[in-house]
Amino acid sequence: VNEIVNVEAFIMADGHDVLGASILYK
């Protein structure tokens, strides 16, 4: 209880568009 979960991921798309990302949790 009260610890932190640090989440990492490789996220990419074709081209050079700006991306957005979130962690969803419950």
mmCIF file of all heavy atoms, coordinates in Angstrom:
data_MODEL
# 
_entry.id   MODEL 
# 
loop_
_atom_site.group_PDB 
_atom_site.id 
_atom_site.type_symbol 
_atom_site.label_atom_id 
_atom_site.label_alt_id 
_atom_site.label_comp_id 
_atom_site.label_asym_id 
_atom_site.label_entity_id 
_atom_site.label_seq_id 
_atom_site.pdbx_PDB_ins_code 
_atom_site.Cartn_x 
_atom_site.Cartn_y 
_atom_site.Cartn_z 
_atom_site.occupancy 
_atom_site.B_iso_or_equiv 
_atom_site.pdbx_formal_charge 
_atom_site.auth_seq_id 
_atom_site.auth_comp_id 
_atom_site.auth_asym_id 
_atom_site.auth_atom_id 
_atom_site.pdbx_PDB_model_num 
ATOM 1   N N   . VAL A 1 1  ? 0.832   -1.205 0.000   1.00 0.00 ? 1  VAL A N   1 
ATOM 2   C CA  . VAL A 1 1  ? 0.000   0.000  0.000   1.00 0.00 ? 1  VAL A CA  1 
ATOM 3   C C   . VAL A 1 1  ? 0.870   1.261  0.000   1.00 0.00 ? 1  VAL A C   1 
ATOM 4   O O   . VAL A 1 1  ? 1.848   1.367  0.739   1.00 0.00 ? 1  VAL A O   1 
ATOM 5   C CB  . VAL A 1 1  ? -0.946  -0.007 1.213   1.00 0.00 ? 1  VAL A CB  1 
ATOM 6   C CG1 . VAL A 1 1  ? -1.678  1.327  1.337   1.00 0.00 ? 1  VAL A CG1 1 
ATOM 7   C CG2 . VAL A 1 1  ? -1.956  -1.152 1.083   1.00 0.00 ? 1  VAL A CG2 1 
ATOM 8   N N   . ASN A 1 2  ? 0.502   2.188  -0.867  1.00 0.00 ? 2  ASN A N   1 
ATOM 9   C CA  . ASN A 1 2  ? 1.148   3.500  -1.037  1.00 0.00 ? 2  ASN A CA  1 
ATOM 10  C C   . ASN A 1 2  ? 2.486   3.440  -1.766  1.00 0.00 ? 2  ASN A C   1 
ATOM 11  O O   . ASN A 1 2  ? 3.203   4.447  -1.810  1.00 0.00 ? 2  ASN A O   1 
ATOM 12  C CB  . ASN A 1 2  ? 1.311   4.223  0.304   1.00 0.00 ? 2  ASN A CB  1 
ATOM 13  C CG  . ASN A 1 2  ? -0.022  4.604  0.913   1.00 0.00 ? 2  ASN A CG  1 
ATOM 14  O OD1 . ASN A 1 2  ? -0.974  4.924  0.195   1.00 0.00 ? 2  ASN A OD1 1 
ATOM 15  N ND2 . ASN A 1 2  ? -0.115  4.565  2.230   1.00 0.00 ? 2  ASN A ND2 1 
ATOM 16  N N   . GLU A 1 3  ? 2.809   2.317  -2.351  1.00 0.00 ? 3  GLU A N   1 
ATOM 17  C CA  . GLU A 1 3  ? 3.989   2.274  -3.209  1.00 0.00 ? 3  GLU A CA  1 
ATOM 18  C C   . GLU A 1 3  ? 3.640   2.770  -4.608  1.00 0.00 ? 3  GLU A C   1 
ATOM 19  O O   . GLU A 1 3  ? 2.474   2.929  -4.969  1.00 0.00 ? 3  GLU A O   1 
ATOM 20  C CB  . GLU A 1 3  ? 4.563   0.860  -3.282  1.00 0.00 ? 3  GLU A CB  1 
ATOM 21  C CG  . GLU A 1 3  ? 5.405   0.498  -2.084  1.00 0.00 ? 3  GLU A CG  1 
ATOM 22  C CD  . GLU A 1 3  ? 6.200   -0.780 -2.283  1.00 0.00 ? 3  GLU A CD  1 
ATOM 23  O OE1 . GLU A 1 3  ? 5.771   -1.642 -3.083  1.00 0.00 ? 3  GLU A OE1 1 
ATOM 24  O OE2 . GLU A 1 3  ? 7.239   -0.925 -1.630  1.00 0.00 ? 3  GLU A OE2 1 
ATOM 25  N N   . ILE A 1 4  ? 4.671   2.973  -5.397  1.00 0.00 ? 4  ILE A N   1 
ATOM 26  C CA  . ILE A 1 4  ? 4.533   3.498  -6.755  1.00 0.00 ? 4  ILE A CA  1 
ATOM 27  C C   . ILE A 1 4  ? 4.826   2.393  -7.761  1.00 0.00 ? 4  ILE A C   1 
ATOM 28  O O   . ILE A 1 4  ? 5.748   1.601  -7.572  1.00 0.00 ? 4  ILE A O   1 
ATOM 29  C CB  . ILE A 1 4  ? 5.482   4.693  -6.972  1.00 0.00 ? 4  ILE A CB  1 
ATOM 30  C CG1 . ILE A 1 4  ? 5.075   5.870  -6.071  1.00 0.00 ? 4  ILE A CG1 1 
ATOM 31  C CG2 . ILE A 1 4  ? 5.497   5.124  -8.436  1.00 0.00 ? 4  ILE A CG2 1 
ATOM 32  C CD1 . ILE A 1 4  ? 6.067   7.007  -6.079  1.00 0.00 ? 4  ILE A CD1 1 
ATOM 33  N N   . VAL A 1 5  ? 4.041   2.353  -8.817  1.00 0.00 ? 5  VAL A N   1 
ATOM 34  C CA  . VAL A 1 5  ? 4.314   1.468  -9.955  1.00 0.00 ? 5  VAL A CA  1 
ATOM 35  C C   . VAL A 1 5  ? 4.835   2.343  -11.090 1.00 0.00 ? 5  VAL A C   1 
ATOM 36  O O   . VAL A 1 5  ? 4.100   3.176  -11.634 1.00 0.00 ? 5  VAL A O   1 
ATOM 37  C CB  . VAL A 1 5  ? 3.053   0.712  -10.400 1.00 0.00 ? 5  VAL A CB  1 
ATOM 38  C CG1 . VAL A 1 5  ? 3.382   -0.193 -11.593 1.00 0.00 ? 5  VAL A CG1 1 
ATOM 39  C CG2 . VAL A 1 5  ? 2.470   -0.102 -9.251  1.00 0.00 ? 5  VAL A CG2 1 
ATOM 40  N N   . ASN A 1 6  ? 6.095   2.188  -11.414 1.00 0.00 ? 6  ASN A N   1 
ATOM 41  C CA  . ASN A 1 6  ? 6.700   2.905  -12.536 1.00 0.00 ? 6  ASN A CA  1 
ATOM 42  C C   . ASN A 1 6  ? 6.527   2.081  -13.804 1.00 0.00 ? 6  ASN A C   1 
ATOM 43  O O   . ASN A 1 6  ? 6.964   0.930  -13.865 1.00 0.00 ? 6  ASN A O   1 
ATOM 44  C CB  . ASN A 1 6  ? 8.185   3.159  -12.272 1.00 0.00 ? 6  ASN A CB  1 
ATOM 45  C CG  . ASN A 1 6  ? 8.419   4.184  -11.185 1.00 0.00 ? 6  ASN A CG  1 
ATOM 46  O OD1 . ASN A 1 6  ? 8.067   5.352  -11.350 1.00 0.00 ? 6  ASN A OD1 1 
ATOM 47  N ND2 . ASN A 1 6  ? 8.983   3.751  -10.076 1.00 0.00 ? 6  ASN A ND2 1 
ATOM 48  N N   . VAL A 1 7  ? 5.868   2.673  -14.784 1.00 0.00 ? 7  VAL A N   1 
ATOM 49  C CA  . VAL A 1 7  ? 5.539   1.954  -16.012 1.00 0.00 ? 7  VAL A CA  1 
ATOM 50  C C   . VAL A 1 7  ? 6.342   2.528  -17.172 1.00 0.00 ? 7  VAL A C   1 
ATOM 51  O O   . VAL A 1 7  ? 6.425   3.758  -17.335 1.00 0.00 ? 7  VAL A O   1 
ATOM 52  C CB  . VAL A 1 7  ? 4.029   2.042  -16.316 1.00 0.00 ? 7  VAL A CB  1 
ATOM 53  C CG1 . VAL A 1 7  ? 3.698   1.323  -17.619 1.00 0.00 ? 7  VAL A CG1 1 
ATOM 54  C CG2 . VAL A 1 7  ? 3.219   1.459  -15.155 1.00 0.00 ? 7  VAL A CG2 1 
ATOM 55  N N   . GLU A 1 8  ? 6.921   1.656  -17.970 1.00 0.00 ? 8  GLU A N   1 
ATOM 56  C CA  . GLU A 1 8  ? 7.652   2.062  -19.164 1.00 0.00 ? 8  GLU A CA  1 
ATOM 57  C C   . GLU A 1 8  ? 7.139   1.281  -20.368 1.00 0.00 ? 8  GLU A C   1 
ATOM 58  O O   . GLU A 1 8  ? 6.627   0.170  -20.228 1.00 0.00 ? 8  GLU A O   1 
ATOM 59  C CB  . GLU A 1 8  ? 9.150   1.830  -18.977 1.00 0.00 ? 8  GLU A CB  1 
ATOM 60  C CG  . GLU A 1 8  ? 9.759   2.671  -17.856 1.00 0.00 ? 8  GLU A CG  1 
ATOM 61  C CD  . GLU A 1 8  ? 11.247  2.440  -17.699 1.00 0.00 ? 8  GLU A CD  1 
ATOM 62  O OE1 . GLU A 1 8  ? 11.735  1.418  -18.225 1.00 0.00 ? 8  GLU A OE1 1 
ATOM 63  O OE2 . GLU A 1 8  ? 11.914  3.261  -17.043 1.00 0.00 ? 8  GLU A OE2 1 
ATOM 64  N N   . ALA A 1 9  ? 7.273   1.892  -21.545 1.00 0.00 ? 9  ALA A N   1 
ATOM 65  C CA  . ALA A 1 9  ? 6.848   1.221  -22.773 1.00 0.00 ? 9  ALA A CA  1 
ATOM 66  C C   . ALA A 1 9  ? 7.555   1.856  -23.958 1.00 0.00 ? 9  ALA A C   1 
ATOM 67  O O   . ALA A 1 9  ? 7.934   3.031  -23.922 1.00 0.00 ? 9  ALA A O   1 
ATOM 68  C CB  . ALA A 1 9  ? 5.332   1.322  -22.942 1.00 0.00 ? 9  ALA A CB  1 
ATOM 69  N N   . PHE A 1 10 ? 7.738   1.057  -25.007 1.00 0.00 ? 10 PHE A N   1 
ATOM 70  C CA  . PHE A 1 10 ? 8.189   1.591  -26.288 1.00 0.00 ? 10 PHE A CA  1 
ATOM 71  C C   . PHE A 1 10 ? 6.925   1.951  -27.076 1.00 0.00 ? 10 PHE A C   1 
ATOM 72  O O   . PHE A 1 10 ? 6.068   1.093  -27.310 1.00 0.00 ? 10 PHE A O   1 
ATOM 73  C CB  . PHE A 1 10 ? 8.991   0.556  -27.074 1.00 0.00 ? 10 PHE A CB  1 
ATOM 74  C CG  . PHE A 1 10 ? 10.294  0.145  -26.428 1.00 0.00 ? 10 PHE A CG  1 
ATOM 75  C CD1 . PHE A 1 10 ? 11.070  -0.852 -27.002 1.00 0.00 ? 10 PHE A CD1 1 
ATOM 76  C CD2 . PHE A 1 10 ? 10.757  0.746  -25.264 1.00 0.00 ? 10 PHE A CD2 1 
ATOM 77  C CE1 . PHE A 1 10 ? 12.266  -1.245 -26.429 1.00 0.00 ? 10 PHE A CE1 1 
ATOM 78  C CE2 . PHE A 1 10 ? 11.952  0.373  -24.682 1.00 0.00 ? 10 PHE A CE2 1 
ATOM 79  C CZ  . PHE A 1 10 ? 12.712  -0.636 -25.258 1.00 0.00 ? 10 PHE A CZ  1 
ATOM 80  N N   . ILE A 1 11 ? 6.822   3.210  -27.470 1.00 0.00 ? 11 ILE A N   1 
ATOM 81  C CA  . ILE A 1 11 ? 5.635   3.681  -28.186 1.00 0.00 ? 11 ILE A CA  1 
ATOM 82  C C   . ILE A 1 11 ? 6.094   4.414  -29.442 1.00 0.00 ? 11 ILE A C   1 
ATOM 83  O O   . ILE A 1 11 ? 6.940   5.317  -29.365 1.00 0.00 ? 11 ILE A O   1 
ATOM 84  C CB  . ILE A 1 11 ? 4.779   4.601  -27.294 1.00 0.00 ? 11 ILE A CB  1 
ATOM 85  C CG1 . ILE A 1 11 ? 4.312   3.832  -26.049 1.00 0.00 ? 11 ILE A CG1 1 
ATOM 86  C CG2 . ILE A 1 11 ? 3.582   5.156  -28.065 1.00 0.00 ? 11 ILE A CG2 1 
ATOM 87  C CD1 . ILE A 1 11 ? 3.592   4.694  -25.030 1.00 0.00 ? 11 ILE A CD1 1 
ATOM 88  N N   . MET A 1 12 ? 5.530   4.044  -30.593 1.00 0.00 ? 12 MET A N   1 
ATOM 89  C CA  . MET A 1 12 ? 5.983   4.649  -31.850 1.00 0.00 ? 12 MET A CA  1 
ATOM 90  C C   . MET A 1 12 ? 4.860   4.607  -32.882 1.00 0.00 ? 12 MET A C   1 
ATOM 91  O O   . MET A 1 12 ? 3.883   3.863  -32.733 1.00 0.00 ? 12 MET A O   1 
ATOM 92  C CB  . MET A 1 12 ? 7.205   3.892  -32.381 1.00 0.00 ? 12 MET A CB  1 
ATOM 93  C CG  . MET A 1 12 ? 6.897   2.459  -32.772 1.00 0.00 ? 12 MET A CG  1 
ATOM 94  S SD  . MET A 1 12 ? 8.330   1.357  -32.720 1.00 0.00 ? 12 MET A SD  1 
ATOM 95  C CE  . MET A 1 12 ? 8.527   1.115  -30.954 1.00 0.00 ? 12 MET A CE  1 
ATOM 96  N N   . ALA A 1 13 ? 5.019   5.422  -33.901 1.00 0.00 ? 13 ALA A N   1 
ATOM 97  C CA  . ALA A 1 13 ? 4.086   5.425  -35.030 1.00 0.00 ? 13 ALA A CA  1 
ATOM 98  C C   . ALA A 1 13 ? 4.869   5.730  -36.293 1.00 0.00 ? 13 ALA A C   1 
ATOM 99  O O   . ALA A 1 13 ? 6.001   6.232  -36.246 1.00 0.00 ? 13 ALA A O   1 
ATOM 100 C CB  . ALA A 1 13 ? 2.982   6.455  -34.820 1.00 0.00 ? 13 ALA A CB  1 
ATOM 101 N N   . ASP A 1 14 ? 4.273   5.425  -37.428 1.00 0.00 ? 14 ASP A N   1 
ATOM 102 C CA  . ASP A 1 14 ? 4.903   5.778  -38.691 1.00 0.00 ? 14 ASP A CA  1 
ATOM 103 C C   . ASP A 1 14 ? 4.999   7.296  -38.802 1.00 0.00 ? 14 ASP A C   1 
ATOM 104 O O   . ASP A 1 14 ? 4.186   8.034  -38.253 1.00 0.00 ? 14 ASP A O   1 
ATOM 105 C CB  . ASP A 1 14 ? 4.086   5.215  -39.849 1.00 0.00 ? 14 ASP A CB  1 
ATOM 106 C CG  . ASP A 1 14 ? 2.638   5.678  -39.792 1.00 0.00 ? 14 ASP A CG  1 
ATOM 107 O OD1 . ASP A 1 14 ? 1.866   5.133  -38.966 1.00 0.00 ? 14 ASP A OD1 1 
ATOM 108 O OD2 . ASP A 1 14 ? 2.289   6.609  -40.545 1.00 0.00 ? 14 ASP A OD2 1 
ATOM 109 N N   . GLY A 1 15 ? 5.989   7.762  -39.516 1.00 0.00 ? 15 GLY A N   1 
ATOM 110 C CA  . GLY A 1 15 ? 6.137   9.201  -39.715 1.00 0.00 ? 15 GLY A CA  1 
ATOM 111 C C   . GLY A 1 15 ? 6.697   9.897  -38.485 1.00 0.00 ? 15 GLY A C   1 
ATOM 112 O O   . GLY A 1 15 ? 7.399   9.297  -37.665 1.00 0.00 ? 15 GLY A O   1 
ATOM 113 N N   . HIS A 1 16 ? 6.345   11.174 -38.369 1.00 0.00 ? 16 HIS A N   1 
ATOM 114 C CA  . HIS A 1 16 ? 6.927   11.995 -37.303 1.00 0.00 ? 16 HIS A CA  1 
ATOM 115 C C   . HIS A 1 16 ? 5.865   12.731 -36.503 1.00 0.00 ? 16 HIS A C   1 
ATOM 116 O O   . HIS A 1 16 ? 6.126   13.786 -35.927 1.00 0.00 ? 16 HIS A O   1 
ATOM 117 C CB  . HIS A 1 16 ? 7.913   13.002 -37.913 1.00 0.00 ? 16 HIS A CB  1 
ATOM 118 C CG  . HIS A 1 16 ? 8.990   12.362 -38.740 1.00 0.00 ? 16 HIS A CG  1 
ATOM 119 N ND1 . HIS A 1 16 ? 10.061  11.694 -38.182 1.00 0.00 ? 16 HIS A ND1 1 
ATOM 120 C CD2 . HIS A 1 16 ? 9.131   12.253 -40.094 1.00 0.00 ? 16 HIS A CD2 1 
ATOM 121 C CE1 . HIS A 1 16 ? 10.835  11.219 -39.150 1.00 0.00 ? 16 HIS A CE1 1 
ATOM 122 N NE2 . HIS A 1 16 ? 10.295  11.542 -40.327 1.00 0.00 ? 16 HIS A NE2 1 
ATOM 123 N N   . ASP A 1 17 ? 4.655   12.195 -36.431 1.00 0.00 ? 17 ASP A N   1 
ATOM 124 C CA  . ASP A 1 17 ? 3.576   12.871 -35.711 1.00 0.00 ? 17 ASP A CA  1 
ATOM 125 C C   . ASP A 1 17 ? 3.831   12.884 -34.211 1.00 0.00 ? 17 ASP A C   1 
ATOM 126 O O   . ASP A 1 17 ? 4.503   12.007 -33.653 1.00 0.00 ? 17 ASP A O   1 
ATOM 127 C CB  . ASP A 1 17 ? 2.243   12.166 -35.977 1.00 0.00 ? 17 ASP A CB  1 
ATOM 128 C CG  . ASP A 1 17 ? 1.734   12.417 -37.392 1.00 0.00 ? 17 ASP A CG  1 
ATOM 129 O OD1 . ASP A 1 17 ? 2.216   13.372 -38.025 1.00 0.00 ? 17 ASP A OD1 1 
ATOM 130 O OD2 . ASP A 1 17 ? 0.866   11.652 -37.861 1.00 0.00 ? 17 ASP A OD2 1 
ATOM 131 N N   . VAL A 1 18 ? 3.253   13.897 -33.555 1.00 0.00 ? 18 VAL A N   1 
ATOM 132 C CA  . VAL A 1 18 ? 3.304   13.988 -32.095 1.00 0.00 ? 18 VAL A CA  1 
ATOM 133 C C   . VAL A 1 18 ? 2.378   12.919 -31.512 1.00 0.00 ? 18 VAL A C   1 
ATOM 134 O O   . VAL A 1 18 ? 1.233   12.764 -31.943 1.00 0.00 ? 18 VAL A O   1 
ATOM 135 C CB  . VAL A 1 18 ? 2.870   15.385 -31.614 1.00 0.00 ? 18 VAL A CB  1 
ATOM 136 C CG1 . VAL A 1 18 ? 2.812   15.441 -30.083 1.00 0.00 ? 18 VAL A CG1 1 
ATOM 137 C CG2 . VAL A 1 18 ? 3.819   16.455 -32.162 1.00 0.00 ? 18 VAL A CG2 1 
ATOM 138 N N   . LEU A 1 19 ? 2.890   12.194 -30.544 1.00 0.00 ? 19 LEU A N   1 
ATOM 139 C CA  . LEU A 1 19 ? 2.113   11.128 -29.909 1.00 0.00 ? 19 LEU A CA  1 
ATOM 140 C C   . LEU A 1 19 ? 1.735   11.516 -28.485 1.00 0.00 ? 19 LEU A C   1 
ATOM 141 O O   . LEU A 1 19 ? 2.375   12.360 -27.856 1.00 0.00 ? 19 LEU A O   1 
ATOM 142 C CB  . LEU A 1 19 ? 2.914   9.822  -29.883 1.00 0.00 ? 19 LEU A CB  1 
ATOM 143 C CG  . LEU A 1 19 ? 3.453   9.303  -31.214 1.00 0.00 ? 19 LEU A CG  1 
ATOM 144 C CD1 . LEU A 1 19 ? 4.157   7.970  -31.009 1.00 0.00 ? 19 LEU A CD1 1 
ATOM 145 C CD2 . LEU A 1 19 ? 2.338   9.176  -32.238 1.00 0.00 ? 19 LEU A CD2 1 
ATOM 146 N N   . GLY A 1 20 ? 0.719   10.862 -27.983 1.00 0.00 ? 20 GLY A N   1 
ATOM 147 C CA  . GLY A 1 20 ? 0.333   10.994 -26.583 1.00 0.00 ? 20 GLY A CA  1 
ATOM 148 C C   . GLY A 1 20 ? 0.172   9.608  -25.991 1.00 0.00 ? 20 GLY A C   1 
ATOM 149 O O   . GLY A 1 20 ? -0.144  8.644  -26.695 1.00 0.00 ? 20 GLY A O   1 
ATOM 150 N N   . ALA A 1 21 ? 0.394   9.476  -24.687 1.00 0.00 ? 21 ALA A N   1 
ATOM 151 C CA  . ALA A 1 21 ? 0.268   8.172  -24.035 1.00 0.00 ? 21 ALA A CA  1 
ATOM 152 C C   . ALA A 1 21 ? -0.137  8.352  -22.584 1.00 0.00 ? 21 ALA A C   1 
ATOM 153 O O   . ALA A 1 21 ? 0.193   9.360  -21.949 1.00 0.00 ? 21 ALA A O   1 
ATOM 154 C CB  . ALA A 1 21 ? 1.572   7.394  -24.137 1.00 0.00 ? 21 ALA A CB  1 
ATOM 155 N N   . SER A 1 22 ? -0.859  7.372  -22.077 1.00 0.00 ? 22 SER A N   1 
ATOM 156 C CA  . SER A 1 22 ? -1.314  7.377  -20.689 1.00 0.00 ? 22 SER A CA  1 
ATOM 157 C C   . SER A 1 22 ? -1.227  5.981  -20.109 1.00 0.00 ? 22 SER A C   1 
ATOM 158 O O   . SER A 1 22 ? -1.243  4.983  -20.837 1.00 0.00 ? 22 SER A O   1 
ATOM 159 C CB  . SER A 1 22 ? -2.769  7.858  -20.581 1.00 0.00 ? 22 SER A CB  1 
ATOM 160 O OG  . SER A 1 22 ? -2.895  9.221  -20.843 1.00 0.00 ? 22 SER A OG  1 
ATOM 161 N N   . ILE A 1 23 ? -1.158  5.944  -18.781 1.00 0.00 ? 23 ILE A N   1 
ATOM 162 C CA  . ILE A 1 23 ? -1.376  4.703  -18.048 1.00 0.00 ? 23 ILE A CA  1 
ATOM 163 C C   . ILE A 1 23 ? -2.815  4.729  -17.556 1.00 0.00 ? 23 ILE A C   1 
ATOM 164 O O   . ILE A 1 23 ? -3.251  5.705  -16.929 1.00 0.00 ? 23 ILE A O   1 
ATOM 165 C CB  . ILE A 1 23 ? -0.434  4.575  -16.843 1.00 0.00 ? 23 ILE A CB  1 
ATOM 166 C CG1 . ILE A 1 23 ? 1.024   4.715  -17.266 1.00 0.00 ? 23 ILE A CG1 1 
ATOM 167 C CG2 . ILE A 1 23 ? -0.668  3.253  -16.121 1.00 0.00 ? 23 ILE A CG2 1 
ATOM 168 C CD1 . ILE A 1 23 ? 1.966   4.940  -16.104 1.00 0.00 ? 23 ILE A CD1 1 
ATOM 169 N N   . LEU A 1 24 ? -3.567  3.685  -17.857 1.00 0.00 ? 24 LEU A N   1 
ATOM 170 C CA  . LEU A 1 24 ? -4.910  3.520  -17.316 1.00 0.00 ? 24 LEU A CA  1 
ATOM 171 C C   . LEU A 1 24 ? -4.838  2.462  -16.222 1.00 0.00 ? 24 LEU A C   1 
ATOM 172 O O   . LEU A 1 24 ? -4.250  1.396  -16.425 1.00 0.00 ? 24 LEU A O   1 
ATOM 173 C CB  . LEU A 1 24 ? -5.882  3.087  -18.408 1.00 0.00 ? 24 LEU A CB  1 
ATOM 174 C CG  . LEU A 1 24 ? -5.998  4.014  -19.623 1.00 0.00 ? 24 LEU A CG  1 
ATOM 175 C CD1 . LEU A 1 24 ? -6.998  3.453  -20.623 1.00 0.00 ? 24 LEU A CD1 1 
ATOM 176 C CD2 . LEU A 1 24 ? -6.406  5.418  -19.199 1.00 0.00 ? 24 LEU A CD2 1 
ATOM 177 N N   . TYR A 1 25 ? -5.395  2.742  -15.061 1.00 0.00 ? 25 TYR A N   1 
ATOM 178 C CA  . TYR A 1 25 ? -5.300  1.803  -13.945 1.00 0.00 ? 25 TYR A CA  1 
ATOM 179 C C   . TYR A 1 25 ? -6.549  1.885  -13.081 1.00 0.00 ? 25 TYR A C   1 
ATOM 180 O O   . TYR A 1 25 ? -7.246  2.907  -13.041 1.00 0.00 ? 25 TYR A O   1 
ATOM 181 C CB  . TYR A 1 25 ? -4.059  2.091  -13.093 1.00 0.00 ? 25 TYR A CB  1 
ATOM 182 C CG  . TYR A 1 25 ? -4.062  3.442  -12.418 1.00 0.00 ? 25 TYR A CG  1 
ATOM 183 C CD1 . TYR A 1 25 ? -4.481  3.579  -11.088 1.00 0.00 ? 25 TYR A CD1 1 
ATOM 184 C CD2 . TYR A 1 25 ? -3.656  4.592  -13.089 1.00 0.00 ? 25 TYR A CD2 1 
ATOM 185 C CE1 . TYR A 1 25 ? -4.487  4.817  -10.467 1.00 0.00 ? 25 TYR A CE1 1 
ATOM 186 C CE2 . TYR A 1 25 ? -3.661  5.829  -12.472 1.00 0.00 ? 25 TYR A CE2 1 
ATOM 187 C CZ  . TYR A 1 25 ? -4.079  5.941  -11.159 1.00 0.00 ? 25 TYR A CZ  1 
ATOM 188 O OH  . TYR A 1 25 ? -4.093  7.176  -10.545 1.00 0.00 ? 25 TYR A OH  1 
ATOM 189 N N   . LYS A 1 26 ? -6.849  0.800  -12.404 1.00 0.00 ? 26 LYS A N   1 
ATOM 190 C CA  . LYS A 1 26 ? -7.979  0.790  -11.482 1.00 0.00 ? 26 LYS A CA  1 
ATOM 191 C C   . LYS A 1 26 ? -7.836  -0.356 -10.494 1.00 0.00 ? 26 LYS A C   1 
ATOM 192 O O   . LYS A 1 26 ? -7.258  -1.407 -10.798 1.00 0.00 ? 26 LYS A O   1 
ATOM 193 C CB  . LYS A 1 26 ? -9.304  0.664  -12.230 1.00 0.00 ? 26 LYS A CB  1 
ATOM 194 C CG  . LYS A 1 26 ? -9.526  -0.644 -12.966 1.00 0.00 ? 26 LYS A CG  1 
ATOM 195 C CD  . LYS A 1 26 ? -10.922 -0.688 -13.604 1.00 0.00 ? 26 LYS A CD  1 
ATOM 196 C CE  . LYS A 1 26 ? -11.154 -1.990 -14.349 1.00 0.00 ? 26 LYS A CE  1 
ATOM 197 N NZ  . LYS A 1 26 ? -12.517 -2.065 -14.944 1.00 0.00 ? 26 LYS A NZ  1 
# 
